[in-house]
Amino acid sequence: MKIKEGFMLREMCGDYIVLAESLELIDFNKLIHLNESAVYLWQGVEGREFDADVLAGLLVDKYGIGQEQAFSDATSLCKTWLDVGLVEV
């Protein structure tokens, strides 16, 4: 999967949100707020193909958690990003 063209990560008042460059990408009913870990993962895969294994590897490297937990968390995040339309397969 890959982050869809037109979505950008921005810091606003100490929080990180994902913004759309064009109006057709915007759903004004949703504001996508990312926590520190999700920001780290977004920045780690921005502009390239990735899957849950790649995200899990990044989590293991940064936080030293077990591979099983990292993969579970990464899979959940991939599903969330797919559900809200931030990524495409």
Protein backbone atom coordinates (compact mmCIF):
# COMPACT_ATOMS: atom_id res chain seq x y z
CA MET A 1 0.00 0.00 0.00
CA LYS A 2 0.99 3.63 -0.31
CA ILE A 3 -0.16 6.95 1.12
CA LYS A 4 -2.52 8.53 -1.41
CA GLU A 5 -1.25 11.46 -3.41
CA GLY A 6 -2.44 14.77 -2.02
CA PHE A 7 -2.34 13.98 1.68
CA MET A 8 0.22 15.82 3.79
CA LEU A 9 1.22 15.62 7.43
CA ARG A 10 1.26 19.00 9.15
CA GLU A 11 1.92 20.20 12.68
CA MET A 12 -0.66 22.61 14.05
CA CYS A 13 -0.37 23.96 17.57
CA GLY A 14 1.71 20.99 18.70
CA ASP A 15 -0.63 18.38 17.19
CA TYR A 16 -0.11 16.47 13.97
CA ILE A 17 -2.93 16.22 11.47
CA VAL A 18 -3.25 14.97 7.92
CA LEU A 19 -4.48 17.55 5.42
CA ALA A 20 -5.63 17.16 1.82
CA GLU A 21 -4.21 19.35 -0.94
CA SER A 22 -7.38 19.38 -3.03
CA LEU A 23 -11.06 19.75 -2.21
CA GLU A 24 -12.08 16.40 -3.73
CA LEU A 25 -9.95 14.60 -1.14
CA ILE A 26 -11.48 16.42 1.81
CA ASP A 27 -14.23 14.96 3.94
CA PHE A 28 -15.20 17.84 6.19
CA ASN A 29 -16.74 15.41 8.67
CA LYS A 30 -13.32 14.00 9.58
CA LEU A 31 -10.14 15.47 10.91
CA ILE A 32 -7.29 12.98 10.91
CA HIS A 33 -5.17 13.41 14.04
CA LEU A 34 -2.04 11.27 14.44
CA ASN A 35 -0.34 10.39 17.70
CA GLU A 36 3.46 10.37 18.07
CA SER A 37 3.84 6.75 16.96
CA ALA A 38 1.60 7.19 13.91
CA VAL A 39 3.55 10.32 12.92
CA TYR A 40 6.79 8.34 13.14
CA LEU A 41 5.33 5.60 10.94
CA TRP A 42 3.84 8.07 8.43
CA GLN A 43 7.20 9.80 8.06
CA GLY A 44 8.94 6.44 7.74
CA VAL A 45 6.85 5.32 4.77
CA GLU A 46 5.91 8.59 3.10
CA GLY A 47 6.54 8.38 -0.63
CA ARG A 48 7.12 4.62 -0.77
CA GLU A 49 5.27 1.31 -0.77
CA PHE A 50 4.74 -0.38 2.58
CA ASP A 51 2.78 -3.05 4.38
CA ALA A 52 2.19 -4.10 7.99
CA ASP A 53 5.59 -5.87 8.07
CA VAL A 54 7.39 -2.63 7.19
CA LEU A 55 5.48 -0.69 9.84
CA ALA A 56 6.12 -3.42 12.40
CA GLY A 57 9.85 -3.26 11.68
CA LEU A 58 9.83 0.48 12.27
CA LEU A 59 8.01 0.00 15.58
CA VAL A 60 10.48 -2.67 16.73
CA ASP A 61 13.42 -0.45 15.79
CA LYS A 62 12.10 2.64 17.58
CA TYR A 63 10.36 1.21 20.61
CA GLY A 64 12.03 -2.18 21.12
CA ILE A 65 8.70 -3.98 21.41
CA GLY A 66 8.18 -7.60 20.40
CA GLN A 67 7.58 -8.48 16.76
CA GLU A 68 4.16 -9.99 17.50
CA GLN A 69 2.89 -6.86 19.27
CA ALA A 70 4.42 -4.60 16.62
CA PHE A 71 2.75 -6.56 13.81
CA SER A 72 -0.61 -6.47 15.58
CA ASP A 73 -0.37 -2.71 16.07
CA ALA A 74 0.83 -2.17 12.49
CA THR A 75 -2.00 -4.28 11.07
CA SER A 76 -4.54 -2.26 13.05
CA LEU A 77 -3.06 1.02 11.83
CA CYS A 78 -3.06 -0.16 8.20
CA LYS A 79 -6.74 -1.06 8.51
CA THR A 80 -7.55 2.32 10.03
CA TRP A 81 -5.66 4.22 7.31
CA LEU A 82 -7.43 2.15 4.64
CA ASP A 83 -10.84 2.69 6.25
CA VAL A 84 -10.46 6.47 6.35
CA GLY A 85 -9.02 6.61 2.83
CA LEU A 86 -5.48 7.78 3.53
CA VAL A 87 -3.78 4.90 1.73
CA GLU A 88 -4.36 2.83 -1.37
CA VAL A 89 -3.34 -0.70 -2.25
